[in-house]
Amino acid sequence: MARRKFATLKSFLNYIGVEGDRTIFTWVSASEGDRWAQVVKGAADKIRALGPAKKLVKKIA
């Protein structure tokens, strides 16, 4: 159920201009603090490497 909702959300985000690589879906238990830190760091590094969102940046004329 959660994966279907995430797939729908990802599709919507893509529709409004957020690239698919900017979102992730993973399961981390509350007792897995180290894993949570790794997931967040990996996601942040990946998004940082993508640079600013192209479609969501307001252009000043």
PDB file of N, CA and C in Angstrom:
ATOM      1  N   MET A   1       0.817  -1.189   0.000  1.00  0.00           N
ATOM      2  CA  MET A   1       0.000   0.000   0.000  1.00  0.00           C
ATOM      3  C   MET A   1       0.864   1.259   0.000  1.00  0.00           C
ATOM      4  N   ALA A   2       1.871   1.287   0.859  1.00  0.00           N
ATOM      5  CA  ALA A   2       2.729   2.471   0.939  1.00  0.00           C
ATOM      6  C   ALA A   2       3.502   2.675  -0.367  1.00  0.00           C
ATOM      7  N   ARG A   3       3.957   1.584  -0.965  1.00  0.00           N
ATOM      8  CA  ARG A   3       4.692   1.711  -2.231  1.00  0.00           C
ATOM      9  C   ARG A   3       3.807   2.277  -3.337  1.00  0.00           C
ATOM     10  N   ARG A   4       2.544   1.874  -3.360  1.00  0.00           N
ATOM     11  CA  ARG A   4       1.616   2.426  -4.369  1.00  0.00           C
ATOM     12  C   ARG A   4       1.413   3.918  -4.150  1.00  0.00           C
ATOM     13  N   LYS A   5       1.247   4.313  -2.890  1.00  0.00           N
ATOM     14  CA  LYS A   5       1.071   5.736  -2.592  1.00  0.00           C
ATOM     15  C   LYS A   5       2.322   6.520  -2.971  1.00  0.00           C
ATOM     16  N   PHE A   6       3.488   5.944  -2.688  1.00  0.00           N
ATOM     17  CA  PHE A   6       4.729   6.614  -3.046  1.00  0.00           C
ATOM     18  C   PHE A   6       4.856   6.731  -4.560  1.00  0.00           C
ATOM     19  N   ALA A   7       4.476   5.695  -5.279  1.00  0.00           N
ATOM     20  CA  ALA A   7       4.533   5.736  -6.746  1.00  0.00           C
ATOM     21  C   ALA A   7       3.621   6.836  -7.279  1.00  0.00           C
ATOM     22  N   THR A   8       2.444   6.979  -6.673  1.00  0.00           N
ATOM     23  CA  THR A   8       1.527   8.042  -7.080  1.00  0.00           C
ATOM     24  C   THR A   8       2.119   9.410  -6.761  1.00  0.00           C
ATOM     25  N   LEU A   9       2.690   9.541  -5.573  1.00  0.00           N
ATOM     26  CA  LEU A   9       3.328  10.804  -5.185  1.00  0.00           C
ATOM     27  C   LEU A   9       4.474  11.148  -6.126  1.00  0.00           C
ATOM     28  N   LYS A  10       5.304  10.169  -6.442  1.00  0.00           N
ATOM     29  CA  LYS A  10       6.441  10.395  -7.328  1.00  0.00           C
ATOM     30  C   LYS A  10       5.973  10.824  -8.719  1.00  0.00           C
ATOM     31  N   SER A  11       4.904  10.215  -9.181  1.00  0.00           N
ATOM     32  CA  SER A  11       4.335  10.588 -10.471  1.00  0.00           C
ATOM     33  C   SER A  11       3.837  12.033 -10.438  1.00  0.00           C
ATOM     34  N   PHE A  12       3.166  12.406  -9.355  1.00  0.00           N
ATOM     35  CA  PHE A  12       2.683  13.780  -9.216  1.00  0.00           C
ATOM     36  C   PHE A  12       3.840  14.768  -9.153  1.00  0.00           C
ATOM     37  N   LEU A  13       4.868  14.433  -8.372  1.00  0.00           N
ATOM     38  CA  LEU A  13       6.028  15.322  -8.268  1.00  0.00           C
ATOM     39  C   LEU A  13       6.695  15.508  -9.626  1.00  0.00           C
ATOM     40  N   ASN A  14       6.790  14.438 -10.391  1.00  0.00           N
ATOM     41  CA  ASN A  14       7.344  14.520 -11.732  1.00  0.00           C
ATOM     42  C   ASN A  14       6.482  15.444 -12.608  1.00  0.00           C
ATOM     43  N   TYR A  15       5.171  15.347 -12.449  1.00  0.00           N
ATOM     44  CA  TYR A  15       4.235  16.179 -13.206  1.00  0.00           C
ATOM     45  C   TYR A  15       4.440  17.677 -12.913  1.00  0.00           C
ATOM     46  N   ILE A  16       4.715  17.999 -11.643  1.00  0.00           N
ATOM     47  CA  ILE A  16       4.901  19.410 -11.295  1.00  0.00           C
ATOM     48  C   ILE A  16       6.340  19.889 -11.452  1.00  0.00           C
ATOM     49  N   GLY A  17       7.236  18.990 -11.850  1.00  0.00           N
ATOM     50  CA  GLY A  17       8.588  19.417 -12.174  1.00  0.00           C
ATOM     51  C   GLY A  17       9.692  18.967 -11.240  1.00  0.00           C
ATOM     52  N   VAL A  18       9.394  18.095 -10.296  1.00  0.00           N
ATOM     53  CA  VAL A  18      10.419  17.572  -9.391  1.00  0.00           C
ATOM     54  C   VAL A  18      10.928  16.259  -9.978  1.00  0.00           C
ATOM     55  N   GLU A  19      12.220  16.210 -10.300  1.00  0.00           N
ATOM     56  CA  GLU A  19      12.788  15.012 -10.913  1.00  0.00           C
ATOM     57  C   GLU A  19      12.653  13.804  -9.981  1.00  0.00           C
ATOM     58  N   GLY A  20      12.483  12.632 -10.557  1.00  0.00           N
ATOM     59  CA  GLY A  20      12.305  11.407  -9.792  1.00  0.00           C
ATOM     60  C   GLY A  20      13.476  11.060  -8.900  1.00  0.00           C
ATOM     61  N   ASP A  21      14.683  11.467  -9.281  1.00  0.00           N
ATOM     62  CA  ASP A  21      15.863  11.160  -8.482  1.00  0.00           C
ATOM     63  C   ASP A  21      15.931  11.972  -7.193  1.00  0.00           C
ATOM     64  N   ARG A  22      15.037  12.924  -7.029  1.00  0.00           N
ATOM     65  CA  ARG A  22      15.036  13.753  -5.819  1.00  0.00           C
ATOM     66  C   ARG A  22      14.210  13.141  -4.698  1.00  0.00           C
ATOM     67  N   THR A  23      13.574  12.020  -4.950  1.00  0.00           N
ATOM     68  CA  THR A  23      12.775  11.357  -3.922  1.00  0.00           C
ATOM     69  C   THR A  23      13.216   9.906  -3.790  1.00  0.00           C
ATOM     70  N   ILE A  24      13.163   9.385  -2.564  1.00  0.00           N
ATOM     71  CA  ILE A  24      13.495   7.978  -2.333  1.00  0.00           C
ATOM     72  C   ILE A  24      12.445   7.364  -1.419  1.00  0.00           C
ATOM     73  N   PHE A  25      12.321   6.074  -1.467  1.00  0.00           N
ATOM     74  CA  PHE A  25      11.434   5.329  -0.590  1.00  0.00           C
ATOM     75  C   PHE A  25      12.237   4.199   0.010  1.00  0.00           C
ATOM     76  N   THR A  26      12.314   4.160   1.325  1.00  0.00           N
ATOM     77  CA  THR A  26      13.023   3.082   2.002  1.00  0.00           C
ATOM     78  C   THR A  26      12.399   2.852   3.369  1.00  0.00           C
ATOM     79  N   TRP A  27      12.562   1.675   3.895  1.00  0.00           N
ATOM     80  CA  TRP A  27      12.037   1.346   5.202  1.00  0.00           C
ATOM     81  C   TRP A  27      13.180   1.322   6.190  1.00  0.00           C
ATOM     82  N   VAL A  28      13.030   2.092   7.262  1.00  0.00           N
ATOM     83  CA  VAL A  28      14.016   2.098   8.337  1.00  0.00           C
ATOM     84  C   VAL A  28      13.254   2.008   9.647  1.00  0.00           C
ATOM     85  N   SER A  29      13.609   1.038  10.461  1.00  0.00           N
ATOM     86  CA  SER A  29      12.971   0.853  11.758  1.00  0.00           C
ATOM     87  C   SER A  29      13.430   1.944  12.720  1.00  0.00           C
ATOM     88  N   ALA A  30      12.627   2.210  13.731  1.00  0.00           N
ATOM     89  CA  ALA A  30      12.966   3.227  14.727  1.00  0.00           C
ATOM     90  C   ALA A  30      14.245   2.869  15.479  1.00  0.00           C
ATOM     91  N   SER A  31      14.575   1.610  15.528  1.00  0.00           N
ATOM     92  CA  SER A  31      15.779   1.185  16.253  1.00  0.00           C
ATOM     93  C   SER A  31      17.039   1.229  15.391  1.00  0.00           C
ATOM     94  N   GLU A  32      16.926   1.625  14.142  1.00  0.00           N
ATOM     95  CA  GLU A  32      18.060   1.634  13.222  1.00  0.00           C
ATOM     96  C   GLU A  32      18.580   3.058  12.987  1.00  0.00           C
ATOM     97  N   GLY A  33      19.066   3.669  14.048  1.00  0.00           N
ATOM     98  CA  GLY A  33      19.548   5.049  13.950  1.00  0.00           C
ATOM     99  C   GLY A  33      20.697   5.213  12.981  1.00  0.00           C
ATOM    100  N   ASP A  34      21.640   4.288  12.996  1.00  0.00           N
ATOM    101  CA  ASP A  34      22.793   4.378  12.080  1.00  0.00           C
ATOM    102  C   ASP A  34      22.345   4.241  10.626  1.00  0.00           C
ATOM    103  N   ARG A  35      21.434   3.315  10.381  1.00  0.00           N
ATOM    104  CA  ARG A  35      20.923   3.135   9.013  1.00  0.00           C
ATOM    105  C   ARG A  35      20.191   4.393   8.559  1.00  0.00           C
ATOM    106  N   TRP A  36      19.383   4.986   9.457  1.00  0.00           N
ATOM    107  CA  TRP A  36      18.661   6.217   9.123  1.00  0.00           C
ATOM    108  C   TRP A  36      19.647   7.317   8.711  1.00  0.00           C
ATOM    109  N   ALA A  37      20.718   7.457   9.479  1.00  0.00           N
ATOM    110  CA  ALA A  37      21.732   8.468   9.166  1.00  0.00           C
ATOM    111  C   ALA A  37      22.345   8.206   7.793  1.00  0.00           C
ATOM    112  N   GLN A  38      22.620   6.944   7.467  1.00  0.00           N
ATOM    113  CA  GLN A  38      23.186   6.604   6.162  1.00  0.00           C
ATOM    114  C   GLN A  38      22.212   6.926   5.030  1.00  0.00           C
ATOM    115  N   VAL A  39      20.940   6.618   5.234  1.00  0.00           N
ATOM    116  CA  VAL A  39      19.923   6.875   4.203  1.00  0.00           C
ATOM    117  C   VAL A  39      19.803   8.371   3.950  1.00  0.00           C
ATOM    118  N   VAL A  40      19.725   9.152   5.018  1.00  0.00           N
ATOM    119  CA  VAL A  40      19.578  10.598   4.873  1.00  0.00           C
ATOM    120  C   VAL A  40      20.818  11.208   4.231  1.00  0.00           C
ATOM    121  N   LYS A  41      21.998  10.775   4.661  1.00  0.00           N
ATOM    122  CA  LYS A  41      23.235  11.296   4.075  1.00  0.00           C
ATOM    123  C   LYS A  41      23.323  10.937   2.597  1.00  0.00           C
ATOM    124  N   GLY A  42      22.984   9.701   2.248  1.00  0.00           N
ATOM    125  CA  GLY A  42      23.014   9.279   0.851  1.00  0.00           C
ATOM    126  C   GLY A  42      22.035  10.067  -0.005  1.00  0.00           C
ATOM    127  N   ALA A  43      20.839  10.293   0.526  1.00  0.00           N
ATOM    128  CA  ALA A  43      19.835  11.066  -0.217  1.00  0.00           C
ATOM    129  C   ALA A  43      20.296  12.513  -0.396  1.00  0.00           C
ATOM    130  N   ALA A  44      20.829  13.098   0.662  1.00  0.00           N
ATOM    131  CA  ALA A  44      21.295  14.484   0.583  1.00  0.00           C
ATOM    132  C   ALA A  44      22.443  14.621  -0.414  1.00  0.00           C
ATOM    133  N   ASP A  45      23.368  13.674  -0.393  1.00  0.00           N
ATOM    134  CA  ASP A  45      24.492  13.710  -1.339  1.00  0.00           C
ATOM    135  C   ASP A  45      24.002  13.580  -2.779  1.00  0.00           C
ATOM    136  N   LYS A  46      23.043  12.692  -2.989  1.00  0.00           N
ATOM    137  CA  LYS A  46      22.502  12.477  -4.333  1.00  0.00           C
ATOM    138  C   LYS A  46      21.786  13.727  -4.844  1.00  0.00           C
ATOM    139  N   ILE A  47      20.992  14.337  -3.986  1.00  0.00           N
ATOM    140  CA  ILE A  47      20.264  15.549  -4.380  1.00  0.00           C
ATOM    141  C   ILE A  47      21.224  16.710  -4.595  1.00  0.00           C
ATOM    142  N   ARG A  48      22.213  16.823  -3.740  1.00  0.00           N
ATOM    143  CA  ARG A  48      23.221  17.876  -3.892  1.00  0.00           C
ATOM    144  C   ARG A  48      23.950  17.733  -5.223  1.00  0.00           C
ATOM    145  N   ALA A  49      24.236  16.489  -5.621  1.00  0.00           N
ATOM    146  CA  ALA A  49      24.925  16.242  -6.889  1.00  0.00           C
ATOM    147  C   ALA A  49      24.048  16.622  -8.087  1.00  0.00           C
ATOM    148  N   LEU A  50      22.722  16.525  -7.926  1.00  0.00           N
ATOM    149  CA  LEU A  50      21.815  16.901  -9.007  1.00  0.00           C
ATOM    150  C   LEU A  50      21.780  18.409  -9.229  1.00  0.00           C
ATOM    151  N   GLY A  51      22.098  19.165  -8.182  1.00  0.00           N
ATOM    152  CA  GLY A  51      22.062  20.623  -8.294  1.00  0.00           C
ATOM    153  C   GLY A  51      20.646  21.146  -8.120  1.00  0.00           C
ATOM    154  N   PRO A  52      20.472  22.431  -8.355  1.00  0.00           N
ATOM    155  CA  PRO A  52      19.145  23.031  -8.185  1.00  0.00           C
ATOM    156  C   PRO A  52      18.116  22.415  -9.138  1.00  0.00           C
ATOM    157  N   ALA A  53      16.887  22.359  -8.670  1.00  0.00           N
ATOM    158  CA  ALA A  53      15.793  21.872  -9.510  1.00  0.00           C
ATOM    159  C   ALA A  53      15.631  22.832 -10.688  1.00  0.00           C
ATOM    160  N   LYS A  54      15.572  22.284 -11.867  1.00  0.00           N
ATOM    161  CA  LYS A  54      15.522  23.113 -13.081  1.00  0.00           C
ATOM    162  C   LYS A  54      14.168  23.789 -13.277  1.00  0.00           C
ATOM    163  N   LYS A  55      13.083  23.036 -13.094  1.00  0.00           N
ATOM    164  CA  LYS A  55      11.762  23.561 -13.392  1.00  0.00           C
ATOM    165  C   LYS A  55      11.182  24.401 -12.278  1.00  0.00           C
ATOM    166  N   LEU A  56      11.687  24.261 -11.062  1.00  0.00           N
ATOM    167  CA  LEU A  56      11.101  24.976  -9.926  1.00  0.00           C
ATOM    168  C   LEU A  56      11.823  26.276  -9.614  1.00  0.00           C
ATOM    169  N   VAL A  57      12.844  26.606 -10.375  1.00  0.00           N
ATOM    170  CA  VAL A  57      13.595  27.829 -10.125  1.00  0.00           C
ATOM    171  C   VAL A  57      12.905  28.985 -10.831  1.00  0.00           C
ATOM    172  N   LYS A  58      12.584  30.017 -10.070  1.00  0.00           N
ATOM    173  CA  LYS A  58      11.947  31.192 -10.643  1.00  0.00           C
ATOM    174  C   LYS A  58      13.005  32.032 -11.358  1.00  0.00           C
ATOM    175  N   LYS A  59      12.763  32.315 -12.610  1.00  0.00           N
ATOM    176  CA  LYS A  59      13.706  33.101 -13.400  1.00  0.00           C
ATOM    177  C   LYS A  59      13.371  34.578 -13.273  1.00  0.00           C
ATOM    178  N   ILE A  60      14.379  35.359 -13.003  1.00  0.00           N
ATOM    179  CA  ILE A  60      14.194  36.802 -12.881  1.00  0.00           C
ATOM    180  C   ILE A  60      14.523  37.435 -14.219  1.00  0.00           C
ATOM    181  N   ALA A  61      13.551  38.134 -14.753  1.00  0.00           N
ATOM    182  CA  ALA A  61      13.718  38.737 -16.094  1.00  0.00           C
ATOM    183  C   ALA A  61      14.289  40.119 -16.026  1.00  0.00           C
TER     184      ALA A  61
END
